[in-house]
Amino acid sequence: MLLWCIWQNRNDNLWNDNVQMPRQIGRHAFDAWNDWYSVHKLQSNNVSGTTEADLVRWEKPALDWVKCNVDVAFVSGFGRTSMRLCFRNNNGHFMAGMTQWQQTVISSVEGEAWALLLAMEEARHRGLNRVQFESDSKVLIEAIHMKRRGNSEFLSIVHDILSLMSSFINFEVKFVRRQANLVAYTLARAANSWANFHRFENIPFCIERLVFNEMQ
């Protein structure tokens, strides 16, 4: 994995005149390996344990609730981390969205935590107080449910999330599989071609069909 990242950086330097520091390359390799390991570990643990009850499709929230799907994308060639969120009501209709990216490279779990914290702050800004937040980061959701504490940057963000949730008792967090988070996943990747901060009051074209299909 490390050799692949070094080779990718060499090509990026040759064709795009973009050079990354050795520390950045090492972090990319570690994150890629960690993601691969996590996926294969989950697959091996769930080969015989997967049931129809597992959430593999987006589900509408309960009456009077709002659902917010959150995701993050990493663009190694640009050294950029982007997040995206989407609010939908109990009918599945698009209510609002937001994208933001920062010119920095952080770990995958830090990125997921950062995105969720921004989503909660956006919900507060919009006056939404009954919101179910969904993320496809199992590590993040488990850290929140277990109220983990520590000195790492990741757990520092988790602490901020828990502090915000203590003031909004109807903020809930839930883990979902990638298939149930496709809208946020799609827009997080599109965000890299837009301004570094953008709010949506109307549904973006790139997710219009996905949202419509999930309303059915």
N, C-alpha and C. Protein backbone atom coordinates (compact mmCIF):
# COMPACT_ATOMS: atom_id res chain seq x y z
N MET A 1 0.83 -1.20 0.00
CA MET A 1 0.00 0.00 0.00
C MET A 1 0.87 1.26 0.00
N LEU A 2 1.95 1.24 0.80
CA LEU A 2 2.86 2.38 0.85
C LEU A 2 3.54 2.60 -0.49
N LEU A 3 3.98 1.50 -1.12
CA LEU A 3 4.64 1.61 -2.42
C LEU A 3 3.69 2.19 -3.47
N TRP A 4 2.42 1.77 -3.39
CA TRP A 4 1.43 2.30 -4.34
C TRP A 4 1.26 3.80 -4.16
N CYS A 5 1.20 4.28 -2.89
CA CYS A 5 1.05 5.70 -2.61
C CYS A 5 2.27 6.49 -3.08
N ILE A 6 3.47 5.90 -2.90
CA ILE A 6 4.69 6.56 -3.37
C ILE A 6 4.67 6.67 -4.90
N TRP A 7 4.26 5.60 -5.57
CA TRP A 7 4.18 5.61 -7.03
C TRP A 7 3.14 6.62 -7.51
N GLN A 8 2.00 6.70 -6.82
CA GLN A 8 0.96 7.67 -7.17
C GLN A 8 1.48 9.10 -7.01
N ASN A 9 2.24 9.35 -5.94
CA ASN A 9 2.81 10.68 -5.72
C ASN A 9 3.83 11.03 -6.79
N ARG A 10 4.60 10.02 -7.20
CA ARG A 10 5.60 10.25 -8.26
C ARG A 10 4.90 10.68 -9.55
N ASN A 11 3.80 9.99 -9.91
CA ASN A 11 3.05 10.35 -11.11
C ASN A 11 2.41 11.73 -10.99
N ASP A 12 1.90 12.04 -9.80
CA ASP A 12 1.27 13.34 -9.57
C ASP A 12 2.30 14.46 -9.70
N ASN A 13 3.51 14.18 -9.25
CA ASN A 13 4.60 15.16 -9.37
C ASN A 13 5.01 15.33 -10.83
N LEU A 14 5.06 14.22 -11.56
CA LEU A 14 5.51 14.25 -12.95
C LEU A 14 4.51 14.95 -13.86
N TRP A 15 3.21 14.64 -13.69
CA TRP A 15 2.20 15.13 -14.62
C TRP A 15 1.48 16.39 -14.13
N ASN A 16 1.39 16.58 -12.84
CA ASN A 16 0.64 17.72 -12.31
C ASN A 16 1.49 18.71 -11.52
N ASP A 17 2.80 18.43 -11.43
CA ASP A 17 3.71 19.29 -10.67
C ASP A 17 3.23 19.49 -9.24
N ASN A 18 2.68 18.44 -8.66
CA ASN A 18 2.15 18.50 -7.30
C ASN A 18 2.97 17.56 -6.41
N VAL A 19 3.65 18.11 -5.42
CA VAL A 19 4.53 17.32 -4.56
C VAL A 19 3.95 17.28 -3.15
N GLN A 20 3.91 16.09 -2.56
CA GLN A 20 3.45 15.95 -1.19
C GLN A 20 4.62 15.59 -0.28
N MET A 21 4.49 15.99 0.97
CA MET A 21 5.51 15.68 1.95
C MET A 21 5.46 14.19 2.29
N PRO A 22 6.59 13.60 2.69
CA PRO A 22 6.61 12.17 3.06
C PRO A 22 5.59 11.84 4.14
N ARG A 23 5.36 12.77 5.07
CA ARG A 23 4.38 12.52 6.14
C ARG A 23 2.98 12.36 5.56
N GLN A 24 2.65 13.20 4.55
CA GLN A 24 1.33 13.10 3.91
C GLN A 24 1.17 11.77 3.19
N ILE A 25 2.22 11.34 2.49
CA ILE A 25 2.17 10.06 1.78
C ILE A 25 1.97 8.93 2.77
N GLY A 26 2.71 8.97 3.87
CA GLY A 26 2.56 7.93 4.89
C GLY A 26 1.16 7.89 5.47
N ARG A 27 0.57 9.06 5.70
CA ARG A 27 -0.78 9.10 6.26
C ARG A 27 -1.79 8.54 5.27
N HIS A 28 -1.64 8.88 3.98
CA HIS A 28 -2.54 8.34 2.96
C HIS A 28 -2.46 6.82 2.93
N ALA A 29 -1.23 6.30 3.00
CA ALA A 29 -1.04 4.85 2.97
C ALA A 29 -1.68 4.19 4.19
N PHE A 30 -1.49 4.80 5.35
CA PHE A 30 -2.08 4.25 6.58
C PHE A 30 -3.60 4.26 6.51
N ASP A 31 -4.18 5.38 6.07
CA ASP A 31 -5.64 5.47 5.99
C ASP A 31 -6.21 4.46 5.01
N ALA A 32 -5.52 4.32 3.86
CA ALA A 32 -6.00 3.36 2.85
C ALA A 32 -5.95 1.94 3.39
N TRP A 33 -4.84 1.60 4.06
CA TRP A 33 -4.72 0.26 4.63
C TRP A 33 -5.76 0.04 5.72
N ASN A 34 -5.97 1.05 6.57
CA ASN A 34 -6.92 0.94 7.67
C ASN A 34 -8.34 0.74 7.14
N ASP A 35 -8.69 1.50 6.07
CA ASP A 35 -10.01 1.33 5.46
C ASP A 35 -10.16 -0.07 4.89
N TRP A 36 -9.12 -0.56 4.19
CA TRP A 36 -9.17 -1.90 3.61
C TRP A 36 -9.34 -2.94 4.71
N TYR A 37 -8.55 -2.82 5.77
CA TYR A 37 -8.61 -3.79 6.86
C TYR A 37 -9.98 -3.78 7.53
N SER A 38 -10.53 -2.57 7.77
CA SER A 38 -11.82 -2.47 8.44
C SER A 38 -12.92 -3.13 7.63
N VAL A 39 -12.90 -2.86 6.32
CA VAL A 39 -13.93 -3.44 5.45
C VAL A 39 -13.84 -4.96 5.44
N HIS A 40 -12.63 -5.51 5.29
CA HIS A 40 -12.48 -6.96 5.22
C HIS A 40 -12.74 -7.62 6.56
N LYS A 41 -12.43 -6.94 7.64
CA LYS A 41 -12.72 -7.48 8.97
C LYS A 41 -14.22 -7.55 9.20
N LEU A 42 -14.92 -6.49 8.79
CA LEU A 42 -16.38 -6.49 8.94
C LEU A 42 -17.00 -7.58 8.07
N GLN A 43 -16.47 -7.74 6.86
CA GLN A 43 -17.01 -8.76 5.97
C GLN A 43 -16.81 -10.15 6.56
N SER A 44 -15.63 -10.42 7.11
CA SER A 44 -15.37 -11.74 7.66
C SER A 44 -16.20 -12.00 8.91
N ASN A 45 -16.48 -10.94 9.67
CA ASN A 45 -17.28 -11.11 10.88
C ASN A 45 -18.76 -11.27 10.59
N ASN A 46 -19.17 -10.79 9.42
CA ASN A 46 -20.61 -10.75 9.14
C ASN A 46 -21.05 -11.69 8.03
N VAL A 47 -20.16 -12.58 7.59
CA VAL A 47 -20.53 -13.48 6.51
C VAL A 47 -21.77 -14.28 6.86
N SER A 48 -21.83 -14.80 8.08
CA SER A 48 -22.97 -15.61 8.48
C SER A 48 -23.95 -14.84 9.33
N GLY A 49 -23.64 -13.58 9.65
CA GLY A 49 -24.49 -12.84 10.57
C GLY A 49 -25.34 -11.77 9.92
N THR A 50 -25.20 -11.57 8.61
CA THR A 50 -25.97 -10.54 7.94
C THR A 50 -27.42 -10.99 7.78
N THR A 51 -28.35 -10.11 8.14
CA THR A 51 -29.77 -10.40 8.03
C THR A 51 -30.45 -9.33 7.21
N GLU A 52 -31.72 -9.56 6.89
CA GLU A 52 -32.48 -8.58 6.14
C GLU A 52 -32.72 -7.33 6.96
N ALA A 53 -32.52 -7.43 8.27
CA ALA A 53 -32.72 -6.27 9.13
C ALA A 53 -31.60 -5.25 8.99
N ASP A 54 -30.45 -5.67 8.44
CA ASP A 54 -29.35 -4.73 8.24
C ASP A 54 -29.80 -3.62 7.28
N LEU A 55 -29.49 -2.39 7.63
CA LEU A 55 -29.93 -1.26 6.83
C LEU A 55 -29.04 -1.10 5.60
N VAL A 56 -29.59 -1.39 4.42
CA VAL A 56 -28.83 -1.26 3.19
C VAL A 56 -29.49 -0.26 2.25
N ARG A 57 -30.52 0.41 2.72
CA ARG A 57 -31.23 1.39 1.92
C ARG A 57 -31.65 2.55 2.82
N TRP A 58 -31.61 3.76 2.28
CA TRP A 58 -32.00 4.92 3.07
C TRP A 58 -33.46 4.81 3.49
N GLU A 59 -33.74 5.14 4.74
CA GLU A 59 -35.10 5.08 5.27
C GLU A 59 -35.55 6.45 5.74
N LYS A 60 -36.81 6.75 5.53
CA LYS A 60 -37.37 8.04 5.94
C LYS A 60 -37.40 8.14 7.47
N PRO A 61 -37.20 9.34 8.00
CA PRO A 61 -37.27 9.51 9.46
C PRO A 61 -38.72 9.46 9.94
N ALA A 62 -38.90 9.39 11.24
CA ALA A 62 -40.24 9.36 11.83
C ALA A 62 -40.91 10.72 11.64
N LEU A 63 -42.21 10.76 11.85
CA LEU A 63 -43.00 11.98 11.71
C LEU A 63 -42.42 13.08 12.62
N ASP A 64 -42.31 14.28 12.06
CA ASP A 64 -41.79 15.46 12.77
C ASP A 64 -40.28 15.40 13.02
N TRP A 65 -39.62 14.41 12.47
CA TRP A 65 -38.17 14.33 12.59
C TRP A 65 -37.52 14.69 11.25
N VAL A 66 -36.28 15.08 11.31
CA VAL A 66 -35.46 15.36 10.13
C VAL A 66 -34.28 14.40 10.14
N LYS A 67 -33.91 13.93 8.97
CA LYS A 67 -32.73 13.07 8.88
C LYS A 67 -31.62 13.82 8.15
N CYS A 68 -30.43 13.71 8.69
CA CYS A 68 -29.26 14.35 8.08
C CYS A 68 -28.20 13.29 7.79
N ASN A 69 -27.87 13.12 6.52
CA ASN A 69 -26.81 12.19 6.14
C ASN A 69 -25.51 12.96 5.92
N VAL A 70 -24.44 12.41 6.44
CA VAL A 70 -23.14 13.10 6.45
C VAL A 70 -22.08 12.18 5.85
N ASP A 71 -21.18 12.76 5.07
CA ASP A 71 -20.06 11.98 4.55
C ASP A 71 -18.88 12.90 4.31
N VAL A 72 -17.73 12.29 4.12
CA VAL A 72 -16.50 13.05 3.90
C VAL A 72 -15.73 12.38 2.77
N ALA A 73 -14.99 13.18 2.02
CA ALA A 73 -14.18 12.66 0.92
C ALA A 73 -12.77 13.23 1.04
N PHE A 74 -11.79 12.43 0.61
CA PHE A 74 -10.39 12.84 0.67
C PHE A 74 -9.82 12.84 -0.74
N VAL A 75 -9.26 13.97 -1.14
CA VAL A 75 -8.67 14.10 -2.48
C VAL A 75 -7.17 14.27 -2.30
N SER A 76 -6.45 13.15 -2.39
CA SER A 76 -5.02 13.17 -2.09
C SER A 76 -4.23 14.04 -3.06
N GLY A 77 -4.64 14.08 -4.31
CA GLY A 77 -3.92 14.87 -5.29
C GLY A 77 -3.94 16.35 -5.01
N PHE A 78 -4.99 16.81 -4.30
CA PHE A 78 -5.12 18.22 -3.97
C PHE A 78 -4.84 18.50 -2.49
N GLY A 79 -4.59 17.45 -1.71
CA GLY A 79 -4.38 17.63 -0.28
C GLY A 79 -5.59 18.24 0.38
N ARG A 80 -6.77 17.73 0.02
CA ARG A 80 -8.02 18.37 0.42
C ARG A 80 -8.97 17.38 1.08
N THR A 81 -9.68 17.84 2.10
CA THR A 81 -10.72 17.06 2.77
C THR A 81 -12.04 17.78 2.60
N SER A 82 -13.05 17.11 2.07
CA SER A 82 -14.34 17.75 1.85
C SER A 82 -15.44 16.99 2.56
N MET A 83 -16.45 17.73 3.04
CA MET A 83 -17.59 17.12 3.71
C MET A 83 -18.87 17.57 3.02
N ARG A 84 -19.90 16.80 3.28
CA ARG A 84 -21.19 17.12 2.70
C ARG A 84 -22.28 16.63 3.63
N LEU A 85 -23.38 17.38 3.70
CA LEU A 85 -24.53 16.95 4.50
C LEU A 85 -25.80 17.26 3.74
N CYS A 86 -26.84 16.50 4.06
CA CYS A 86 -28.13 16.65 3.39
C CYS A 86 -29.24 16.44 4.41
N PHE A 87 -30.14 17.42 4.53
CA PHE A 87 -31.30 17.31 5.41
C PHE A 87 -32.52 16.91 4.59
N ARG A 88 -33.26 15.91 5.08
CA ARG A 88 -34.51 15.51 4.44
C ARG A 88 -35.60 15.30 5.49
N ASN A 89 -36.85 15.57 5.11
CA ASN A 89 -37.95 15.44 6.06
C ASN A 89 -38.53 14.03 6.05
N ASN A 90 -39.62 13.83 6.79
CA ASN A 90 -40.16 12.48 6.93
C ASN A 90 -40.82 11.96 5.66
N ASN A 91 -40.98 12.81 4.65
CA ASN A 91 -41.46 12.35 3.35
C ASN A 91 -40.30 12.05 2.39
N GLY A 92 -39.10 12.30 2.85
CA GLY A 92 -37.93 12.08 2.01
C GLY A 92 -37.56 13.26 1.14
N HIS A 93 -38.29 14.39 1.29
CA HIS A 93 -38.02 15.56 0.47
C HIS A 93 -36.75 16.28 0.94
N PHE A 94 -36.00 16.75 -0.02
CA PHE A 94 -34.79 17.52 0.26
C PHE A 94 -35.17 18.83 0.93
N MET A 95 -34.53 19.14 2.05
CA MET A 95 -34.79 20.39 2.77
C MET A 95 -33.64 21.39 2.60
N ALA A 96 -32.44 20.91 2.75
CA ALA A 96 -31.26 21.79 2.66
C ALA A 96 -30.01 20.92 2.61
N GLY A 97 -28.93 21.53 2.19
CA GLY A 97 -27.66 20.82 2.15
C GLY A 97 -26.50 21.78 2.31
N MET A 98 -25.34 21.23 2.50
CA MET A 98 -24.15 22.06 2.66
C MET A 98 -22.92 21.25 2.26
N THR A 99 -21.98 21.92 1.64
CA THR A 99 -20.68 21.30 1.36
C THR A 99 -19.59 22.25 1.85
N GLN A 100 -18.49 21.67 2.26
CA GLN A 100 -17.35 22.47 2.69
C GLN A 100 -16.09 21.64 2.54
N TRP A 101 -15.02 22.26 2.11
CA TRP A 101 -13.74 21.56 2.07
C TRP A 101 -12.65 22.44 2.67
N GLN A 102 -11.63 21.77 3.18
CA GLN A 102 -10.49 22.48 3.74
C GLN A 102 -9.21 21.93 3.13
N GLN A 103 -8.26 22.82 2.92
CA GLN A 103 -7.01 22.46 2.26
C GLN A 103 -6.05 21.87 3.29
N THR A 104 -6.37 20.67 3.72
CA THR A 104 -5.53 19.98 4.69
C THR A 104 -5.80 18.49 4.60
N VAL A 105 -4.84 17.71 5.04
CA VAL A 105 -4.98 16.25 5.03
C VAL A 105 -5.10 15.77 6.46
N ILE A 106 -6.21 15.13 6.78
CA ILE A 106 -6.43 14.59 8.11
C ILE A 106 -6.80 13.12 7.98
N SER A 107 -6.81 12.40 9.08
CA SER A 107 -7.14 10.98 9.02
C SER A 107 -8.62 10.80 8.69
N SER A 108 -8.98 9.61 8.26
CA SER A 108 -10.37 9.35 7.87
C SER A 108 -11.33 9.53 9.03
N VAL A 109 -10.96 9.04 10.22
CA VAL A 109 -11.88 9.16 11.36
C VAL A 109 -11.99 10.61 11.83
N GLU A 110 -10.90 11.37 11.75
CA GLU A 110 -10.97 12.79 12.09
C GLU A 110 -11.88 13.53 11.10
N GLY A 111 -11.77 13.17 9.82
CA GLY A 111 -12.62 13.79 8.82
C GLY A 111 -14.09 13.50 9.04
N GLU A 112 -14.41 12.25 9.35
CA GLU A 112 -15.81 11.89 9.60
C GLU A 112 -16.34 12.62 10.83
N ALA A 113 -15.52 12.73 11.88
CA ALA A 113 -15.95 13.43 13.10
C ALA A 113 -16.14 14.92 12.83
N TRP A 114 -15.21 15.51 12.09
CA TRP A 114 -15.32 16.92 11.72
C TRP A 114 -16.60 17.18 10.94
N ALA A 115 -16.93 16.31 9.98
CA ALA A 115 -18.13 16.47 9.18
C ALA A 115 -19.39 16.38 10.04
N LEU A 116 -19.43 15.45 10.97
CA LEU A 116 -20.61 15.30 11.82
C LEU A 116 -20.78 16.51 12.73
N LEU A 117 -19.69 17.02 13.27
CA LEU A 117 -19.77 18.21 14.12
C LEU A 117 -20.31 19.41 13.33
N LEU A 118 -19.82 19.60 12.10
CA LEU A 118 -20.33 20.68 11.26
C LEU A 118 -21.81 20.50 10.95
N ALA A 119 -22.23 19.24 10.75
CA ALA A 119 -23.64 18.97 10.47
C ALA A 119 -24.52 19.36 11.65
N MET A 120 -24.07 19.05 12.86
CA MET A 120 -24.85 19.42 14.05
C MET A 120 -24.90 20.93 14.23
N GLU A 121 -23.79 21.60 13.95
CA GLU A 121 -23.78 23.05 14.05
C GLU A 121 -24.69 23.68 13.00
N GLU A 122 -24.76 23.08 11.82
CA GLU A 122 -25.66 23.57 10.78
C GLU A 122 -27.12 23.35 11.17
N ALA A 123 -27.43 22.21 11.79
CA ALA A 123 -28.79 21.95 12.26
C ALA A 123 -29.19 22.98 13.30
N ARG A 124 -28.28 23.29 14.21
CA ARG A 124 -28.55 24.32 15.22
C ARG A 124 -28.78 25.68 14.55
N HIS A 125 -27.97 26.00 13.56
CA HIS A 125 -28.10 27.26 12.83
C HIS A 125 -29.47 27.38 12.16
N ARG A 126 -30.00 26.27 11.69
CA ARG A 126 -31.28 26.28 11.00
C ARG A 126 -32.47 26.10 11.94
N GLY A 127 -32.22 25.97 13.22
CA GLY A 127 -33.31 25.83 14.18
C GLY A 127 -33.94 24.46 14.19
N LEU A 128 -33.21 23.45 13.75
CA LEU A 128 -33.73 22.08 13.75
C LEU A 128 -33.34 21.41 15.06
N ASN A 129 -34.30 20.85 15.77
CA ASN A 129 -33.98 20.26 17.08
C ASN A 129 -34.38 18.80 17.23
N ARG A 130 -34.95 18.21 16.19
CA ARG A 130 -35.24 16.77 16.21
C ARG A 130 -34.61 16.16 14.96
N VAL A 131 -33.36 15.80 15.10
CA VAL A 131 -32.58 15.38 13.94
C VAL A 131 -31.88 14.06 14.22
N GLN A 132 -31.99 13.16 13.25
CA GLN A 132 -31.24 11.91 13.30
C GLN A 132 -30.11 12.00 12.29
N PHE A 133 -28.88 11.97 12.79
CA PHE A 133 -27.70 12.07 11.93
C PHE A 133 -27.20 10.67 11.60
N GLU A 134 -26.94 10.44 10.32
CA GLU A 134 -26.45 9.13 9.89
C GLU A 134 -25.07 9.27 9.25
N SER A 135 -24.18 8.36 9.64
CA SER A 135 -22.82 8.32 9.10
C SER A 135 -22.45 6.87 8.81
N ASP A 136 -21.60 6.67 7.80
CA ASP A 136 -21.16 5.30 7.51
C ASP A 136 -19.81 5.00 8.16
N SER A 137 -19.45 5.81 9.17
CA SER A 137 -18.23 5.55 9.95
C SER A 137 -18.62 4.85 11.25
N LYS A 138 -18.41 3.55 11.29
CA LYS A 138 -18.77 2.77 12.48
C LYS A 138 -17.90 3.15 13.67
N VAL A 139 -16.64 3.44 13.41
CA VAL A 139 -15.72 3.83 14.49
C VAL A 139 -16.21 5.10 15.18
N LEU A 140 -16.64 6.07 14.40
CA LEU A 140 -17.13 7.33 14.95
C LEU A 140 -18.39 7.14 15.78
N ILE A 141 -19.37 6.44 15.22
CA ILE A 141 -20.64 6.27 15.92
C ILE A 141 -20.45 5.49 17.22
N GLU A 142 -19.61 4.46 17.19
CA GLU A 142 -19.34 3.71 18.42
C GLU A 142 -18.64 4.58 19.46
N ALA A 143 -17.73 5.44 19.03
CA ALA A 143 -17.04 6.32 19.97
C ALA A 143 -18.02 7.28 20.65
N ILE A 144 -19.01 7.74 19.89
CA ILE A 144 -20.03 8.64 20.47
C ILE A 144 -20.92 7.88 21.43
N HIS A 145 -21.41 6.72 21.03
CA HIS A 145 -22.30 5.94 21.89
C HIS A 145 -21.60 5.51 23.18
N MET A 146 -20.31 5.22 23.09
CA MET A 146 -19.55 4.79 24.26
C MET A 146 -18.97 5.98 25.05
N LYS A 147 -19.18 7.19 24.52
CA LYS A 147 -18.68 8.42 25.15
C LYS A 147 -17.19 8.32 25.47
N ARG A 148 -16.45 7.91 24.47
CA ARG A 148 -15.01 7.74 24.65
C ARG A 148 -14.31 9.07 24.87
N ARG A 149 -13.30 9.05 25.73
CA ARG A 149 -12.52 10.25 26.05
C ARG A 149 -11.05 9.98 25.75
N GLY A 150 -10.33 11.03 25.46
CA GLY A 150 -8.91 10.87 25.20
C GLY A 150 -8.30 12.17 24.73
N ASN A 151 -7.01 12.15 24.45
CA ASN A 151 -6.28 13.36 24.06
C ASN A 151 -6.05 13.48 22.56
N SER A 152 -6.49 12.49 21.79
CA SER A 152 -6.27 12.55 20.34
C SER A 152 -7.17 13.60 19.72
N GLU A 153 -6.79 14.04 18.52
CA GLU A 153 -7.61 15.02 17.80
C GLU A 153 -9.00 14.46 17.51
N PHE A 154 -9.06 13.17 17.16
CA PHE A 154 -10.35 12.53 16.89
C PHE A 154 -11.26 12.57 18.11
N LEU A 155 -10.74 12.16 19.27
CA LEU A 155 -11.57 12.14 20.48
C LEU A 155 -11.87 13.54 21.00
N SER A 156 -11.04 14.50 20.65
CA SER A 156 -11.34 15.89 20.99
C SER A 156 -12.58 16.37 20.23
N ILE A 157 -12.69 15.98 18.96
CA ILE A 157 -13.88 16.34 18.18
C ILE A 157 -15.09 15.58 18.69
N VAL A 158 -14.90 14.30 19.06
CA VAL A 158 -16.00 13.52 19.64
C VAL A 158 -16.52 14.21 20.91
N HIS A 159 -15.61 14.74 21.72
CA HIS A 159 -16.01 15.46 22.93
C HIS A 159 -16.88 16.67 22.58
N ASP A 160 -16.51 17.41 21.53
CA ASP A 160 -17.31 18.56 21.10
C ASP A 160 -18.69 18.11 20.63
N ILE A 161 -18.75 16.97 19.94
CA ILE A 161 -20.04 16.43 19.49
C ILE A 161 -20.92 16.08 20.68
N LEU A 162 -20.34 15.41 21.67
CA LEU A 162 -21.09 15.02 22.87
C LEU A 162 -21.57 16.25 23.64
N SER A 163 -20.76 17.28 23.70
CA SER A 163 -21.16 18.51 24.38
C SER A 163 -22.35 19.15 23.69
N LEU A 164 -22.34 19.16 22.36
CA LEU A 164 -23.45 19.73 21.61
C LEU A 164 -24.71 18.89 21.78
N MET A 165 -24.55 17.57 21.78
CA MET A 165 -25.71 16.68 21.95
C MET A 165 -26.32 16.82 23.34
N SER A 166 -25.53 17.19 24.34
CA SER A 166 -26.07 17.36 25.68
C SER A 166 -27.02 18.56 25.75
N SER A 167 -26.86 19.50 24.82
CA SER A 167 -27.75 20.67 24.77
C SER A 167 -28.94 20.44 23.85
N PHE A 168 -28.85 19.43 23.00
CA PHE A 168 -29.94 19.10 22.07
C PHE A 168 -30.26 17.62 22.26
N ILE A 169 -31.17 17.35 23.19
CA ILE A 169 -31.43 15.96 23.59
C ILE A 169 -32.08 15.15 22.48
N ASN A 170 -32.61 15.82 21.46
CA ASN A 170 -33.21 15.10 20.34
C ASN A 170 -32.30 15.08 19.11
N PHE A 171 -31.02 15.20 19.34
CA PHE A 171 -30.02 14.91 18.31
C PHE A 171 -29.60 13.46 18.51
N GLU A 172 -29.76 12.64 17.49
CA GLU A 172 -29.38 11.23 17.56
C GLU A 172 -28.36 10.92 16.48
N VAL A 173 -27.50 9.96 16.74
CA VAL A 173 -26.52 9.53 15.74
C VAL A 173 -26.70 8.03 15.48
N LYS A 174 -26.51 7.65 14.24
CA LYS A 174 -26.75 6.27 13.84
C LYS A 174 -25.76 5.86 12.75
N PHE A 175 -25.28 4.63 12.85
CA PHE A 175 -24.43 4.08 11.80
C PHE A 175 -25.28 3.46 10.70
N VAL A 176 -24.94 3.74 9.45
CA VAL A 176 -25.60 3.10 8.31
C VAL A 176 -24.52 2.63 7.34
N ARG A 177 -24.86 1.66 6.54
CA ARG A 177 -23.93 1.19 5.52
C ARG A 177 -23.85 2.21 4.38
N ARG A 178 -22.79 2.11 3.61
CA ARG A 178 -22.56 3.04 2.51
C ARG A 178 -23.76 3.11 1.57
N GLN A 179 -24.43 1.96 1.34
CA GLN A 179 -25.57 1.95 0.42
C GLN A 179 -26.70 2.86 0.89
N ALA A 180 -26.80 3.08 2.20
CA ALA A 180 -27.86 3.93 2.74
C ALA A 180 -27.39 5.37 2.89
N ASN A 181 -26.18 5.65 2.45
CA ASN A 181 -25.60 6.99 2.60
C ASN A 181 -25.12 7.54 1.26
N LEU A 182 -25.73 7.05 0.17
CA LEU A 182 -25.23 7.37 -1.16
C LEU A 182 -25.37 8.84 -1.52
N VAL A 183 -26.42 9.50 -1.05
CA VAL A 183 -26.61 10.91 -1.38
C VAL A 183 -25.45 11.75 -0.84
N ALA A 184 -25.14 11.56 0.44
CA ALA A 184 -24.03 12.30 1.04
C ALA A 184 -22.70 11.90 0.40
N TYR A 185 -22.53 10.61 0.13
CA TYR A 185 -21.30 10.10 -0.48
C TYR A 185 -21.07 10.75 -1.85
N THR A 186 -22.14 10.85 -2.64
CA THR A 186 -22.03 11.41 -3.98
C THR A 186 -21.70 12.90 -3.94
N LEU A 187 -22.38 13.64 -3.10
CA LEU A 187 -22.17 15.08 -3.05
C LEU A 187 -20.83 15.46 -2.42
N ALA A 188 -20.35 14.64 -1.50
CA ALA A 188 -19.05 14.93 -0.89
C ALA A 188 -17.95 14.93 -1.94
N ARG A 189 -18.08 14.06 -2.93
CA ARG A 189 -17.07 13.99 -3.98
C ARG A 189 -17.25 15.09 -5.01
N ALA A 190 -18.49 15.50 -5.24
CA ALA A 190 -18.73 16.61 -6.16
C ALA A 190 -18.29 17.94 -5.57
N ALA A 191 -18.24 18.01 -4.25
CA ALA A 191 -17.93 19.28 -3.56
C ALA A 191 -16.57 19.83 -3.92
N ASN A 192 -15.65 18.97 -4.35
CA ASN A 192 -14.29 19.43 -4.62
C ASN A 192 -14.19 20.35 -5.83
N SER A 193 -15.22 20.36 -6.67
CA SER A 193 -15.20 21.22 -7.85
C SER A 193 -15.94 22.54 -7.60
N TRP A 194 -16.45 22.73 -6.39
CA TRP A 194 -17.18 23.96 -6.05
C TRP A 194 -16.36 24.83 -5.11
N ALA A 195 -16.94 25.99 -4.75
CA ALA A 195 -16.31 26.86 -3.76
C ALA A 195 -16.17 26.10 -2.45
N ASN A 196 -15.24 26.55 -1.61
CA ASN A 196 -14.94 25.75 -0.41
C ASN A 196 -16.07 25.73 0.60
N PHE A 197 -17.07 26.61 0.46
CA PHE A 197 -18.24 26.56 1.34
C PHE A 197 -19.47 26.90 0.52
N HIS A 198 -20.49 26.05 0.62
CA HIS A 198 -21.70 26.28 -0.17
C HIS A 198 -22.91 25.70 0.55
N ARG A 199 -23.96 26.50 0.68
CA ARG A 199 -25.24 26.02 1.21
C ARG A 199 -26.22 25.85 0.06
N PHE A 200 -27.06 24.81 0.17
CA PHE A 200 -28.06 24.53 -0.84
C PHE A 200 -29.46 24.63 -0.23
N GLU A 201 -30.31 25.42 -0.86
CA GLU A 201 -31.71 25.45 -0.46
C GLU A 201 -32.55 24.66 -1.46
N ASN A 202 -32.01 24.47 -2.65
CA ASN A 202 -32.65 23.65 -3.68
C ASN A 202 -31.76 22.44 -3.96
N ILE A 203 -32.37 21.35 -4.36
CA ILE A 203 -31.63 20.10 -4.53
C ILE A 203 -30.62 20.21 -5.67
N PRO A 204 -29.37 19.87 -5.44
CA PRO A 204 -28.36 19.88 -6.51
C PRO A 204 -28.67 18.81 -7.57
N PHE A 205 -28.37 19.13 -8.80
CA PHE A 205 -28.70 18.22 -9.90
C PHE A 205 -28.02 16.87 -9.75
N CYS A 206 -26.80 16.86 -9.22
CA CYS A 206 -26.03 15.61 -9.17
C CYS A 206 -26.63 14.56 -8.24
N ILE A 207 -27.53 14.95 -7.34
CA ILE A 207 -28.15 13.97 -6.43
C ILE A 207 -29.66 13.90 -6.61
N GLU A 208 -30.19 14.62 -7.58
CA GLU A 208 -31.64 14.70 -7.75
C GLU A 208 -32.27 13.32 -7.96
N ARG A 209 -31.69 12.52 -8.85
CA ARG A 209 -32.24 11.20 -9.13
C ARG A 209 -32.13 10.27 -7.92
N LEU A 210 -31.02 10.34 -7.21
CA LEU A 210 -30.85 9.51 -6.01
C LEU A 210 -31.91 9.82 -4.97
N VAL A 211 -32.12 11.10 -4.71
CA VAL A 211 -33.12 11.50 -3.71
C VAL A 211 -34.50 11.05 -4.13
N PHE A 212 -34.83 11.23 -5.41
CA PHE A 212 -36.14 10.81 -5.90
C PHE A 212 -36.34 9.31 -5.73
N ASN A 213 -35.32 8.52 -6.07
CA ASN A 213 -35.43 7.06 -5.94
C ASN A 213 -35.61 6.64 -4.49
N GLU A 214 -34.95 7.33 -3.57
CA GLU A 214 -35.04 6.96 -2.16
C GLU A 214 -36.35 7.42 -1.52
N MET A 215 -37.09 8.27 -2.22
CA MET A 215 -38.40 8.69 -1.71
C MET A 215 -39.46 7.63 -1.96
N GLN A 216 -39.18 6.71 -2.88
CA GLN A 216 -40.19 5.72 -3.26
C GLN A 216 -40.41 4.69 -2.16
